[in-house]
N, C-alpha and C. Protein backbone atom coordinates (compact mmCIF):
# COMPACT_ATOMS: atom_id res chain seq x y z
N MET A 1 -47.41 -42.65 103.31
CA MET A 1 -47.59 -44.08 103.48
C MET A 1 -46.41 -44.86 102.91
N SER A 2 -45.90 -44.40 101.79
CA SER A 2 -44.77 -45.12 101.18
C SER A 2 -43.54 -45.03 102.04
N LYS A 3 -43.29 -43.83 102.64
CA LYS A 3 -42.10 -43.70 103.51
C LYS A 3 -42.23 -44.60 104.73
N LEU A 4 -43.37 -44.64 105.30
CA LEU A 4 -43.58 -45.47 106.49
C LEU A 4 -43.42 -46.93 106.14
N PHE A 5 -43.86 -47.30 104.97
CA PHE A 5 -43.73 -48.69 104.55
C PHE A 5 -42.29 -49.06 104.36
N LEU A 6 -41.48 -48.07 103.81
CA LEU A 6 -40.06 -48.34 103.60
C LEU A 6 -39.34 -48.49 104.92
N ILE A 7 -39.64 -47.65 105.86
CA ILE A 7 -38.95 -47.73 107.18
C ILE A 7 -39.28 -49.04 107.87
N LEU A 8 -40.47 -49.47 107.77
CA LEU A 8 -40.85 -50.70 108.43
C LEU A 8 -40.18 -51.89 107.78
N SER A 9 -40.07 -51.83 106.44
CA SER A 9 -39.42 -52.95 105.75
C SER A 9 -37.96 -53.01 106.05
N ILE A 10 -37.33 -51.86 106.17
CA ILE A 10 -35.90 -51.84 106.48
C ILE A 10 -35.65 -52.36 107.89
N ALA A 11 -36.51 -51.98 108.82
CA ALA A 11 -36.33 -52.42 110.19
C ALA A 11 -36.48 -53.91 110.31
N GLU A 12 -37.21 -54.46 109.43
CA GLU A 12 -37.41 -55.88 109.49
C GLU A 12 -36.28 -56.66 108.88
N ARG A 13 -35.45 -56.01 107.95
CA ARG A 13 -34.36 -56.73 107.30
C ARG A 13 -33.28 -57.06 108.32
N PRO A 14 -32.42 -57.93 107.98
CA PRO A 14 -31.33 -58.27 108.89
C PRO A 14 -30.36 -57.13 109.01
N ALA A 15 -29.51 -57.17 109.99
CA ALA A 15 -28.55 -56.10 110.28
C ALA A 15 -27.49 -56.00 109.23
N VAL A 16 -27.15 -57.08 108.55
CA VAL A 16 -26.06 -57.05 107.54
C VAL A 16 -26.48 -56.23 106.35
N ILE A 17 -27.68 -56.43 105.92
CA ILE A 17 -28.15 -55.69 104.74
C ILE A 17 -28.26 -54.22 105.06
N TYR A 18 -28.61 -53.91 106.23
CA TYR A 18 -28.74 -52.51 106.61
C TYR A 18 -27.40 -51.81 106.61
N ARG A 19 -26.38 -52.54 107.17
CA ARG A 19 -25.04 -51.93 107.19
C ARG A 19 -24.51 -51.72 105.76
N ALA A 20 -24.72 -52.69 104.93
CA ALA A 20 -24.23 -52.56 103.55
C ALA A 20 -24.88 -51.39 102.85
N PHE A 21 -26.09 -51.17 103.08
CA PHE A 21 -26.79 -50.07 102.43
C PHE A 21 -26.27 -48.73 102.92
N VAL A 22 -26.00 -48.68 104.24
CA VAL A 22 -25.47 -47.43 104.82
C VAL A 22 -24.09 -47.14 104.28
N MET A 23 -23.24 -48.16 104.17
CA MET A 23 -21.87 -47.98 103.67
C MET A 23 -21.88 -47.53 102.22
N CYS A 24 -22.81 -48.00 101.46
CA CYS A 24 -22.88 -47.60 100.03
C CYS A 24 -23.19 -46.13 99.90
N PHE A 25 -24.10 -45.64 100.72
CA PHE A 25 -24.43 -44.22 100.66
C PHE A 25 -23.28 -43.35 101.12
N LEU A 26 -22.58 -43.83 102.13
CA LEU A 26 -21.42 -43.06 102.61
C LEU A 26 -20.33 -42.99 101.54
N GLY A 27 -20.10 -44.12 100.84
CA GLY A 27 -19.07 -44.10 99.77
C GLY A 27 -19.41 -43.16 98.65
N ILE A 28 -20.66 -43.13 98.28
CA ILE A 28 -21.06 -42.23 97.18
C ILE A 28 -20.88 -40.79 97.59
N GLY A 29 -21.20 -40.47 98.86
CA GLY A 29 -21.02 -39.09 99.29
C GLY A 29 -19.57 -38.69 99.35
N LEU A 30 -18.68 -39.64 99.78
CA LEU A 30 -17.25 -39.33 99.85
C LEU A 30 -16.67 -39.07 98.47
N LEU A 31 -17.06 -39.87 97.48
CA LEU A 31 -16.54 -39.67 96.10
C LEU A 31 -17.00 -38.34 95.54
N ALA A 32 -18.20 -37.95 95.85
CA ALA A 32 -18.70 -36.68 95.32
C ALA A 32 -17.95 -35.51 95.89
N SER A 33 -17.60 -35.60 97.20
CA SER A 33 -16.86 -34.50 97.82
C SER A 33 -15.45 -34.41 97.30
N CYS A 34 -14.81 -35.54 97.02
CA CYS A 34 -13.44 -35.53 96.47
C CYS A 34 -13.40 -34.94 95.05
N ALA A 35 -14.40 -35.26 94.27
CA ALA A 35 -14.42 -34.76 92.89
C ALA A 35 -14.59 -33.26 92.86
N GLU A 36 -15.38 -32.73 93.78
CA GLU A 36 -15.57 -31.29 93.80
C GLU A 36 -14.33 -30.55 94.27
N SER A 37 -13.59 -31.14 95.22
CA SER A 37 -12.39 -30.47 95.72
C SER A 37 -11.24 -30.53 94.74
N SER A 38 -11.12 -31.59 93.91
CA SER A 38 -9.98 -31.72 92.99
C SER A 38 -10.15 -30.92 91.70
N THR A 39 -11.34 -30.55 91.28
CA THR A 39 -11.55 -29.79 90.03
C THR A 39 -11.40 -28.31 90.28
N PRO A 40 -10.39 -27.60 89.64
CA PRO A 40 -10.21 -26.15 89.90
C PRO A 40 -11.35 -25.37 89.27
N MET A 41 -11.60 -24.27 89.87
CA MET A 41 -12.65 -23.38 89.37
C MET A 41 -12.05 -22.47 88.30
N LEU A 42 -12.54 -22.55 87.06
CA LEU A 42 -12.03 -21.73 85.94
C LEU A 42 -12.83 -20.46 85.85
N ALA A 43 -12.09 -19.37 85.65
CA ALA A 43 -12.74 -18.07 85.49
C ALA A 43 -13.38 -18.00 84.11
N PRO A 44 -14.51 -17.48 83.97
CA PRO A 44 -15.18 -17.40 82.65
C PRO A 44 -14.40 -16.50 81.69
N THR A 45 -14.21 -17.04 80.45
CA THR A 45 -13.47 -16.28 79.40
C THR A 45 -14.46 -15.43 78.64
N PRO A 46 -14.17 -14.18 78.60
CA PRO A 46 -15.13 -13.31 77.87
C PRO A 46 -15.10 -13.64 76.37
N SER A 47 -16.21 -13.66 75.75
CA SER A 47 -16.31 -13.94 74.31
C SER A 47 -15.87 -12.70 73.51
N PRO A 48 -15.48 -12.91 72.24
CA PRO A 48 -15.06 -11.74 71.43
C PRO A 48 -16.14 -10.69 71.31
N ARG A 49 -17.37 -11.09 71.40
CA ARG A 49 -18.43 -10.11 71.26
C ARG A 49 -18.52 -9.20 72.47
N ASP A 50 -18.00 -9.75 73.66
CA ASP A 50 -18.08 -8.93 74.87
C ASP A 50 -17.08 -7.79 74.84
N SER A 51 -15.87 -8.01 74.17
CA SER A 51 -14.85 -6.94 74.15
C SER A 51 -14.92 -6.25 72.79
N ILE A 52 -15.61 -5.21 72.64
CA ILE A 52 -15.78 -4.45 71.40
C ILE A 52 -15.03 -3.14 71.54
N THR A 53 -14.10 -2.92 70.58
CA THR A 53 -13.34 -1.66 70.58
C THR A 53 -14.17 -0.61 69.87
N PRO A 54 -14.43 0.47 70.49
CA PRO A 54 -15.26 1.50 69.84
C PRO A 54 -14.52 2.12 68.67
N ARG A 55 -15.20 2.32 67.50
CA ARG A 55 -14.60 2.93 66.31
C ARG A 55 -14.58 4.45 66.46
N PRO A 56 -13.51 5.03 65.91
CA PRO A 56 -13.47 6.50 65.97
C PRO A 56 -14.54 7.08 65.07
N VAL A 57 -15.19 8.05 65.53
CA VAL A 57 -16.27 8.70 64.78
C VAL A 57 -15.67 9.83 63.97
N ALA A 58 -15.87 9.77 62.60
CA ALA A 58 -15.34 10.82 61.74
C ALA A 58 -16.19 12.06 61.89
N SER A 59 -15.49 13.18 61.96
CA SER A 59 -16.20 14.45 62.09
C SER A 59 -16.38 15.06 60.71
N ILE A 60 -17.57 15.27 60.28
CA ILE A 60 -17.89 15.84 58.98
C ILE A 60 -18.47 17.21 59.21
N ALA A 61 -17.80 18.18 58.62
CA ALA A 61 -18.27 19.55 58.77
C ALA A 61 -18.62 20.10 57.39
N ARG A 62 -19.70 20.74 57.25
CA ARG A 62 -20.10 21.35 55.99
C ARG A 62 -19.42 22.70 55.84
N VAL A 63 -18.91 22.94 54.62
CA VAL A 63 -18.23 24.20 54.32
C VAL A 63 -19.12 25.00 53.41
N THR A 64 -19.38 26.18 53.79
CA THR A 64 -20.21 27.08 52.98
C THR A 64 -19.29 27.92 52.11
N LEU A 65 -19.39 27.75 50.77
CA LEU A 65 -18.56 28.52 49.85
C LEU A 65 -19.07 29.94 49.73
N PRO A 66 -18.16 30.86 49.44
CA PRO A 66 -18.62 32.25 49.27
C PRO A 66 -19.54 32.35 48.05
N PRO A 67 -20.43 33.31 48.05
CA PRO A 67 -21.40 33.40 46.93
C PRO A 67 -20.75 33.74 45.60
N THR A 68 -19.57 34.36 45.61
CA THR A 68 -18.93 34.75 44.34
C THR A 68 -17.95 33.71 43.83
N TRP A 69 -17.88 32.58 44.45
CA TRP A 69 -16.91 31.57 44.03
C TRP A 69 -17.42 30.84 42.80
N THR A 70 -16.57 30.77 41.80
CA THR A 70 -16.90 30.06 40.56
C THR A 70 -15.82 29.03 40.31
N PRO A 71 -16.18 27.80 40.09
CA PRO A 71 -15.13 26.79 39.85
C PRO A 71 -14.36 27.10 38.57
N THR A 72 -13.06 27.00 38.67
CA THR A 72 -12.18 27.25 37.51
C THR A 72 -12.03 25.97 36.71
N GLU A 73 -12.33 26.08 35.41
CA GLU A 73 -12.22 24.92 34.55
C GLU A 73 -10.77 24.71 34.14
N THR A 74 -10.34 23.52 34.25
CA THR A 74 -8.98 23.16 33.82
C THR A 74 -9.09 22.33 32.56
N TRP A 75 -8.25 22.61 31.57
CA TRP A 75 -8.28 21.89 30.30
C TRP A 75 -6.87 21.55 29.88
N THR A 76 -6.78 20.48 29.20
CA THR A 76 -5.49 20.01 28.67
C THR A 76 -5.52 20.15 27.16
N PRO A 77 -4.56 20.87 26.58
CA PRO A 77 -4.58 21.03 25.11
C PRO A 77 -4.40 19.70 24.41
N LEU A 78 -5.12 19.54 23.32
CA LEU A 78 -5.01 18.32 22.54
C LEU A 78 -3.68 18.28 21.80
N PRO A 79 -3.15 17.11 21.58
CA PRO A 79 -1.89 17.03 20.81
C PRO A 79 -2.12 17.49 19.39
N PRO A 80 -1.09 18.03 18.77
CA PRO A 80 -1.26 18.49 17.38
C PRO A 80 -1.63 17.35 16.46
N THR A 81 -2.54 17.67 15.57
CA THR A 81 -2.99 16.66 14.61
C THR A 81 -1.94 16.45 13.54
N LEU A 82 -1.52 15.23 13.39
CA LEU A 82 -0.51 14.92 12.38
C LEU A 82 -1.17 14.81 11.01
N THR A 83 -0.63 15.56 10.09
CA THR A 83 -1.14 15.51 8.71
C THR A 83 -0.46 14.36 7.99
N PRO A 84 -1.21 13.36 7.59
CA PRO A 84 -0.56 12.23 6.90
C PRO A 84 0.04 12.66 5.58
N THR A 85 1.24 12.18 5.33
CA THR A 85 1.91 12.47 4.06
C THR A 85 1.34 11.58 2.98
N PRO A 86 0.79 12.16 1.94
CA PRO A 86 0.21 11.30 0.90
C PRO A 86 1.28 10.50 0.19
N THR A 87 0.96 9.28 -0.09
CA THR A 87 1.87 8.40 -0.82
C THR A 87 1.73 8.68 -2.31
N LEU A 88 2.85 9.08 -2.88
CA LEU A 88 2.84 9.41 -4.29
C LEU A 88 2.81 8.13 -5.12
N ILE A 89 1.85 8.04 -5.96
CA ILE A 89 1.71 6.89 -6.85
C ILE A 89 2.19 7.31 -8.23
N PRO A 90 3.17 6.63 -8.75
CA PRO A 90 3.66 7.04 -10.08
C PRO A 90 2.57 6.93 -11.12
N THR A 91 2.52 7.97 -11.93
CA THR A 91 1.53 8.00 -12.99
C THR A 91 2.01 7.16 -14.16
N ILE A 92 1.21 6.22 -14.52
CA ILE A 92 1.55 5.33 -15.63
C ILE A 92 0.76 5.78 -16.85
N THR A 93 1.51 6.19 -17.86
CA THR A 93 0.86 6.63 -19.09
C THR A 93 0.51 5.41 -19.92
N PRO A 94 -0.76 5.17 -20.13
CA PRO A 94 -1.13 3.98 -20.91
C PRO A 94 -0.71 4.14 -22.37
N THR A 95 -0.32 3.05 -22.97
CA THR A 95 0.06 3.06 -24.37
C THR A 95 -1.20 3.14 -25.23
N PRO A 96 -1.31 4.16 -26.07
CA PRO A 96 -2.52 4.26 -26.89
C PRO A 96 -2.57 3.14 -27.92
N ASN A 97 -3.76 2.85 -28.37
CA ASN A 97 -3.90 1.82 -29.39
C ASN A 97 -3.60 2.40 -30.77
N ALA A 98 -3.53 1.52 -31.75
CA ALA A 98 -3.13 1.94 -33.09
C ALA A 98 -4.13 2.91 -33.70
N ALA A 99 -5.42 2.70 -33.45
CA ALA A 99 -6.42 3.58 -34.05
C ALA A 99 -6.29 5.01 -33.54
N GLN A 100 -6.03 5.17 -32.23
CA GLN A 100 -5.89 6.51 -31.68
C GLN A 100 -4.65 7.21 -32.21
N VAL A 101 -3.55 6.47 -32.35
CA VAL A 101 -2.31 7.08 -32.84
C VAL A 101 -2.46 7.50 -34.29
N CYS A 102 -2.96 6.62 -35.13
CA CYS A 102 -3.05 6.92 -36.56
C CYS A 102 -4.10 7.98 -36.86
N GLU A 103 -5.04 8.17 -35.95
CA GLU A 103 -6.04 9.22 -36.17
C GLU A 103 -5.42 10.60 -36.04
N GLN A 104 -4.38 10.73 -35.23
CA GLN A 104 -3.72 12.02 -35.05
C GLN A 104 -2.55 12.23 -36.02
N PHE A 105 -1.92 11.16 -36.45
CA PHE A 105 -0.74 11.29 -37.30
C PHE A 105 -1.16 11.50 -38.75
N SER A 106 -0.44 12.40 -39.43
CA SER A 106 -0.77 12.71 -40.82
C SER A 106 0.51 13.01 -41.59
N LEU A 107 0.68 12.37 -42.73
CA LEU A 107 1.80 12.62 -43.65
C LEU A 107 1.28 13.48 -44.79
N PHE A 108 1.72 14.74 -44.86
CA PHE A 108 1.17 15.66 -45.86
C PHE A 108 2.16 16.04 -46.95
N SER A 109 3.40 15.51 -46.92
CA SER A 109 4.34 15.77 -48.00
C SER A 109 5.20 14.54 -48.20
N ALA A 110 5.22 14.02 -49.43
CA ALA A 110 6.00 12.83 -49.78
C ALA A 110 6.11 12.77 -51.30
N PRO A 111 7.10 12.03 -51.82
CA PRO A 111 7.20 11.91 -53.28
C PRO A 111 5.96 11.24 -53.87
N GLN A 112 5.54 11.70 -55.01
CA GLN A 112 4.42 11.06 -55.69
C GLN A 112 4.84 9.67 -56.19
N LYS A 113 3.89 8.78 -56.25
CA LYS A 113 4.20 7.44 -56.74
C LYS A 113 4.65 7.52 -58.20
N GLY A 114 5.81 6.90 -58.46
CA GLY A 114 6.37 6.93 -59.81
C GLY A 114 7.14 8.18 -60.13
N ALA A 115 7.42 9.01 -59.12
CA ALA A 115 8.17 10.24 -59.38
C ALA A 115 9.56 9.91 -59.91
N ARG A 116 10.07 10.75 -60.84
CA ARG A 116 11.40 10.57 -61.41
C ARG A 116 12.32 11.58 -60.74
N VAL A 117 13.25 11.05 -59.99
CA VAL A 117 14.13 11.89 -59.18
C VAL A 117 15.51 11.90 -59.83
N PRO A 118 16.12 13.06 -60.02
CA PRO A 118 17.46 13.11 -60.59
C PRO A 118 18.46 12.30 -59.77
N TYR A 119 19.53 11.96 -60.40
CA TYR A 119 20.53 11.10 -59.75
C TYR A 119 21.08 11.76 -58.49
N ASP A 120 21.34 13.03 -58.53
CA ASP A 120 21.87 13.76 -57.38
C ASP A 120 20.80 14.67 -56.75
N GLY A 121 19.54 14.32 -56.92
CA GLY A 121 18.46 15.12 -56.36
C GLY A 121 18.13 14.73 -54.92
N ARG A 122 16.94 15.13 -54.49
CA ARG A 122 16.48 14.84 -53.12
C ARG A 122 14.97 14.66 -53.11
N ILE A 123 14.52 13.99 -52.08
CA ILE A 123 13.09 13.86 -51.81
C ILE A 123 12.84 14.36 -50.39
N ALA A 124 11.61 14.79 -50.09
CA ALA A 124 11.29 15.36 -48.78
C ALA A 124 10.02 14.72 -48.24
N PHE A 125 10.02 14.58 -46.92
CA PHE A 125 8.86 14.02 -46.20
C PHE A 125 8.48 15.01 -45.09
N SER A 126 7.21 15.27 -44.95
CA SER A 126 6.71 16.15 -43.90
C SER A 126 5.51 15.49 -43.24
N TRP A 127 5.43 15.60 -41.91
CA TRP A 127 4.32 14.99 -41.17
C TRP A 127 3.96 15.85 -39.97
N THR A 128 2.85 15.53 -39.37
CA THR A 128 2.39 16.21 -38.17
C THR A 128 1.62 15.23 -37.31
N GLY A 129 1.53 15.55 -36.00
CA GLY A 129 0.77 14.71 -35.07
C GLY A 129 1.49 13.48 -34.61
N ALA A 130 2.83 13.46 -34.71
CA ALA A 130 3.56 12.29 -34.21
C ALA A 130 3.58 12.31 -32.69
N PRO A 131 3.23 11.21 -32.01
CA PRO A 131 3.25 11.19 -30.54
C PRO A 131 4.66 11.40 -30.00
N ALA A 132 4.72 11.93 -28.78
CA ALA A 132 6.01 12.24 -28.17
C ALA A 132 6.79 10.99 -27.80
N ASP A 133 6.12 9.87 -27.59
CA ASP A 133 6.81 8.65 -27.17
C ASP A 133 6.98 7.66 -28.32
N ALA A 134 6.97 8.15 -29.55
CA ALA A 134 7.14 7.28 -30.71
C ALA A 134 8.29 7.80 -31.57
N GLU A 135 8.79 6.95 -32.45
CA GLU A 135 9.81 7.32 -33.42
C GLU A 135 9.21 7.29 -34.82
N VAL A 136 9.77 8.14 -35.68
CA VAL A 136 9.37 8.14 -37.08
C VAL A 136 10.46 7.42 -37.87
N ARG A 137 10.07 6.39 -38.59
CA ARG A 137 11.02 5.59 -39.35
C ARG A 137 10.70 5.69 -40.85
N LEU A 138 11.79 5.81 -41.62
CA LEU A 138 11.68 5.83 -43.08
C LEU A 138 12.62 4.78 -43.64
N ALA A 139 12.08 3.83 -44.36
CA ALA A 139 12.88 2.78 -45.01
C ALA A 139 12.78 2.96 -46.52
N ILE A 140 13.95 2.99 -47.18
CA ILE A 140 14.03 3.09 -48.64
C ILE A 140 14.91 1.94 -49.13
N TRP A 141 14.43 1.13 -50.06
CA TRP A 141 15.20 -0.02 -50.53
C TRP A 141 14.98 -0.22 -52.04
N HIS A 142 16.02 -0.72 -52.69
CA HIS A 142 15.96 -0.97 -54.13
C HIS A 142 15.06 -2.17 -54.40
N ARG A 143 14.23 -2.07 -55.39
CA ARG A 143 13.23 -3.10 -55.64
C ARG A 143 13.88 -4.41 -56.10
N GLN A 144 15.01 -4.37 -56.74
CA GLN A 144 15.64 -5.59 -57.24
C GLN A 144 16.67 -6.14 -56.26
N THR A 145 17.49 -5.29 -55.67
CA THR A 145 18.57 -5.77 -54.80
C THR A 145 18.19 -5.77 -53.32
N ASN A 146 17.09 -5.12 -52.96
CA ASN A 146 16.68 -4.97 -51.55
C ASN A 146 17.72 -4.23 -50.71
N GLN A 147 18.63 -3.55 -51.31
CA GLN A 147 19.60 -2.74 -50.61
C GLN A 147 19.03 -1.33 -50.45
N GLY A 148 19.28 -0.73 -49.28
CA GLY A 148 18.74 0.60 -49.07
C GLY A 148 19.19 1.19 -47.76
N ILE A 149 18.39 2.10 -47.21
CA ILE A 149 18.73 2.81 -45.99
C ILE A 149 17.50 2.79 -45.06
N LEU A 150 17.78 2.98 -43.77
CA LEU A 150 16.74 3.11 -42.75
C LEU A 150 17.05 4.36 -41.94
N VAL A 151 16.15 5.32 -41.96
CA VAL A 151 16.34 6.59 -41.27
C VAL A 151 15.34 6.66 -40.12
N GLN A 152 15.83 7.08 -38.93
CA GLN A 152 14.98 7.24 -37.75
C GLN A 152 15.08 8.67 -37.25
N TRP A 153 13.95 9.27 -36.97
CA TRP A 153 13.91 10.61 -36.42
C TRP A 153 13.28 10.56 -35.02
N PRO A 154 13.75 11.42 -34.12
CA PRO A 154 13.12 11.46 -32.79
C PRO A 154 11.69 11.96 -32.90
N SER A 155 10.95 11.70 -31.82
CA SER A 155 9.54 12.07 -31.84
C SER A 155 9.40 13.58 -31.87
N ASN A 156 8.72 14.07 -32.84
CA ASN A 156 8.40 15.49 -32.99
C ASN A 156 6.98 15.59 -33.52
N GLN A 157 6.30 16.61 -33.05
CA GLN A 157 4.92 16.77 -33.50
C GLN A 157 4.86 17.07 -35.00
N SER A 158 5.79 17.84 -35.49
CA SER A 158 5.78 18.18 -36.90
C SER A 158 7.22 18.33 -37.36
N LEU A 159 7.51 17.80 -38.55
CA LEU A 159 8.89 17.82 -39.03
C LEU A 159 8.89 17.72 -40.56
N ASN A 160 9.88 18.39 -41.17
CA ASN A 160 10.10 18.32 -42.61
C ASN A 160 11.53 17.83 -42.81
N MET A 161 11.68 16.66 -43.36
CA MET A 161 12.99 16.03 -43.45
C MET A 161 13.31 15.67 -44.90
N PRO A 162 14.39 16.26 -45.49
CA PRO A 162 14.80 15.88 -46.85
C PRO A 162 15.75 14.68 -46.81
N VAL A 163 15.76 13.91 -47.87
CA VAL A 163 16.64 12.75 -48.01
C VAL A 163 17.39 12.91 -49.33
N GLU A 164 18.71 12.94 -49.25
CA GLU A 164 19.54 13.10 -50.44
C GLU A 164 19.67 11.76 -51.18
N MET A 165 19.63 11.82 -52.52
CA MET A 165 19.79 10.61 -53.34
C MET A 165 21.22 10.07 -53.29
N LEU A 166 22.16 10.87 -52.83
CA LEU A 166 23.54 10.42 -52.77
C LEU A 166 23.74 9.32 -51.73
N TYR A 167 22.75 9.15 -50.81
CA TYR A 167 22.85 8.05 -49.83
C TYR A 167 22.53 6.69 -50.46
N LEU A 168 21.94 6.69 -51.65
CA LEU A 168 21.57 5.44 -52.32
C LEU A 168 22.69 5.01 -53.27
N ASP A 169 22.78 3.71 -53.47
CA ASP A 169 23.90 3.17 -54.26
C ASP A 169 23.58 3.11 -55.75
N ASP A 170 22.41 2.61 -56.11
CA ASP A 170 22.12 2.33 -57.51
C ASP A 170 21.03 3.27 -58.03
N THR A 171 20.85 3.16 -59.29
CA THR A 171 19.73 3.82 -59.94
C THR A 171 18.62 2.80 -60.17
N GLY A 172 17.45 3.29 -60.48
CA GLY A 172 16.34 2.39 -60.73
C GLY A 172 15.16 2.70 -59.81
N ILE A 173 14.31 1.70 -59.62
CA ILE A 173 13.08 1.87 -58.84
C ILE A 173 13.35 1.57 -57.36
N TYR A 174 12.91 2.50 -56.52
CA TYR A 174 13.04 2.35 -55.07
C TYR A 174 11.64 2.40 -54.44
N ASP A 175 11.43 1.51 -53.48
CA ASP A 175 10.22 1.54 -52.65
C ASP A 175 10.55 2.21 -51.32
N TRP A 176 9.59 2.87 -50.76
CA TRP A 176 9.79 3.52 -49.45
C TRP A 176 8.55 3.28 -48.56
N GLN A 177 8.79 3.33 -47.27
CA GLN A 177 7.72 3.18 -46.26
C GLN A 177 8.06 4.08 -45.07
N LEU A 178 7.12 4.91 -44.70
CA LEU A 178 7.27 5.78 -43.53
C LEU A 178 6.22 5.35 -42.50
N SER A 179 6.64 5.19 -41.23
CA SER A 179 5.73 4.69 -40.19
C SER A 179 6.15 5.23 -38.83
N LEU A 180 5.25 5.07 -37.86
CA LEU A 180 5.55 5.34 -36.45
C LEU A 180 5.94 4.03 -35.78
N TYR A 181 6.90 4.12 -34.88
CA TYR A 181 7.38 2.89 -34.23
C TYR A 181 7.21 3.01 -32.73
N TYR A 182 6.55 2.00 -32.14
CA TYR A 182 6.43 1.82 -30.70
C TYR A 182 7.10 0.50 -30.33
N GLU A 183 7.80 0.51 -29.19
CA GLU A 183 8.42 -0.74 -28.75
C GLU A 183 7.36 -1.80 -28.43
N ALA A 184 6.24 -1.37 -27.86
CA ALA A 184 5.20 -2.33 -27.48
C ALA A 184 4.29 -2.72 -28.63
N LEU A 185 4.18 -1.85 -29.64
CA LEU A 185 3.23 -2.10 -30.73
C LEU A 185 3.90 -2.31 -32.07
N GLY A 186 5.17 -1.96 -32.20
CA GLY A 186 5.84 -2.11 -33.48
C GLY A 186 5.55 -0.94 -34.41
N ASP A 187 5.56 -1.21 -35.71
CA ASP A 187 5.32 -0.17 -36.72
C ASP A 187 3.82 0.08 -36.87
N LEU A 188 3.46 1.37 -36.87
CA LEU A 188 2.06 1.77 -37.00
C LEU A 188 1.94 2.84 -38.09
N CYS A 189 0.74 2.97 -38.61
CA CYS A 189 0.38 4.06 -39.53
C CYS A 189 1.32 4.11 -40.74
N ALA A 190 1.65 2.98 -41.31
CA ALA A 190 2.61 2.94 -42.42
C ALA A 190 2.00 3.54 -43.68
N VAL A 191 2.83 4.37 -44.35
CA VAL A 191 2.47 4.96 -45.65
C VAL A 191 3.55 4.52 -46.63
N GLU A 192 3.16 4.03 -47.80
CA GLU A 192 4.12 3.47 -48.75
C GLU A 192 4.04 4.20 -50.10
N GLY A 193 5.14 4.06 -50.83
CA GLY A 193 5.20 4.65 -52.18
C GLY A 193 6.45 4.17 -52.90
N TRP A 194 6.70 4.73 -54.10
CA TRP A 194 7.90 4.36 -54.84
C TRP A 194 8.28 5.50 -55.78
N PHE A 195 9.53 5.52 -56.15
CA PHE A 195 10.04 6.52 -57.08
C PHE A 195 11.17 5.89 -57.90
N THR A 196 11.59 6.57 -58.94
CA THR A 196 12.68 6.11 -59.81
C THR A 196 13.85 7.09 -59.72
N ARG A 197 14.99 6.56 -59.41
CA ARG A 197 16.20 7.39 -59.42
C ARG A 197 16.82 7.29 -60.82
N LEU A 198 17.00 8.42 -61.43
CA LEU A 198 17.50 8.46 -62.80
C LEU A 198 19.01 8.26 -62.83
N ARG A 199 19.47 7.93 -64.01
CA ARG A 199 20.90 7.80 -64.22
C ARG A 199 21.51 9.21 -64.26
N PRO A 200 22.80 9.26 -63.95
CA PRO A 200 23.43 10.58 -64.04
C PRO A 200 23.50 11.04 -65.50
N THR A 201 23.33 12.31 -65.71
CA THR A 201 23.39 12.86 -67.05
C THR A 201 24.85 13.12 -67.43
N ILE A 202 25.22 12.73 -68.69
CA ILE A 202 26.58 12.94 -69.20
C ILE A 202 26.54 14.14 -70.13
N PRO A 203 27.34 15.17 -69.87
CA PRO A 203 27.31 16.36 -70.74
C PRO A 203 27.78 16.03 -72.15
N THR A 204 27.09 16.54 -73.14
CA THR A 204 27.44 16.31 -74.54
C THR A 204 28.59 17.23 -74.94
N PRO A 205 29.72 16.65 -75.43
CA PRO A 205 30.85 17.52 -75.79
C PRO A 205 30.50 18.41 -77.00
N SER A 206 30.97 19.62 -76.96
CA SER A 206 30.69 20.57 -78.05
C SER A 206 31.56 20.27 -79.26
N SER A 207 31.11 20.59 -80.48
CA SER A 207 31.84 20.32 -81.73
C SER A 207 33.02 21.28 -81.86
N PRO A 208 34.11 20.88 -82.64
CA PRO A 208 35.28 21.75 -82.79
C PRO A 208 34.96 23.06 -83.49
N GLU A 209 34.06 23.05 -84.49
CA GLU A 209 33.73 24.27 -85.19
C GLU A 209 33.11 25.29 -84.26
N THR A 210 32.25 24.80 -83.37
CA THR A 210 31.61 25.72 -82.44
C THR A 210 32.62 26.31 -81.49
N SER A 211 33.58 25.47 -81.04
CA SER A 211 34.58 25.97 -80.11
C SER A 211 35.48 27.00 -80.79
N THR A 212 35.87 26.73 -82.05
CA THR A 212 36.74 27.66 -82.77
C THR A 212 36.01 28.96 -83.05
N ALA A 213 34.74 28.81 -83.40
CA ALA A 213 33.97 30.02 -83.69
C ALA A 213 33.82 30.87 -82.45
N GLU A 214 33.59 30.18 -81.28
CA GLU A 214 33.46 30.94 -80.05
C GLU A 214 34.78 31.61 -79.69
N ALA A 215 35.92 30.90 -80.01
CA ALA A 215 37.21 31.47 -79.65
C ALA A 215 37.59 32.64 -80.54
N THR A 216 37.22 32.64 -81.87
CA THR A 216 37.62 33.68 -82.80
C THR A 216 36.55 34.73 -82.99
N ALA A 217 35.51 34.67 -82.22
CA ALA A 217 34.44 35.65 -82.38
C ALA A 217 34.96 37.03 -82.01
N PRO A 218 34.60 38.02 -82.80
CA PRO A 218 35.06 39.37 -82.49
C PRO A 218 34.42 39.88 -81.21
N ASP A 219 35.12 40.84 -80.66
CA ASP A 219 34.59 41.42 -79.43
C ASP A 219 33.38 42.28 -79.74
């Protein structure tokens, strides 16, 4: 019914409108045909997924080892162990205290206090237990003039040392002191005493009668 209604309405329109409508359809068809002829036909481009290069298949074959095969162990020798050289530390001998030194040192021979020593006589000192790193010192001085001598002996465990009176200048009373000497501690274990040096003896001249009698005595 709709198509028939359209045809009847068109037939009733004037001729100008009909021609214009026909020309419009013809123009649209002509443009469509020109567009199709001017556009080139492109060949379809294969996508990367379409061209797949087959990967080479690795051939894995199992190897059967002989029953008597035993793997050989390989070892690398260890480097020689270096023995560290010990660092030598110098041994430091501690300095003993005064009590330890004097406990070992002993003076067992010396002039008695107040001893009377001849003018050309001697006195003697003997000791034991003197440390090896100490000195033995003997000081003798006149009580009035303070003049005297100082004798030093090297360290010895035991020693007997005489002192001649000829080293002294005067006669009279002399004081003496014997001790151990350390550089770090000074004088230790001092023992003191005193003696008297006598005057020289003058020989008494003999009488003339005695000399004559001795000279004329018969054989």
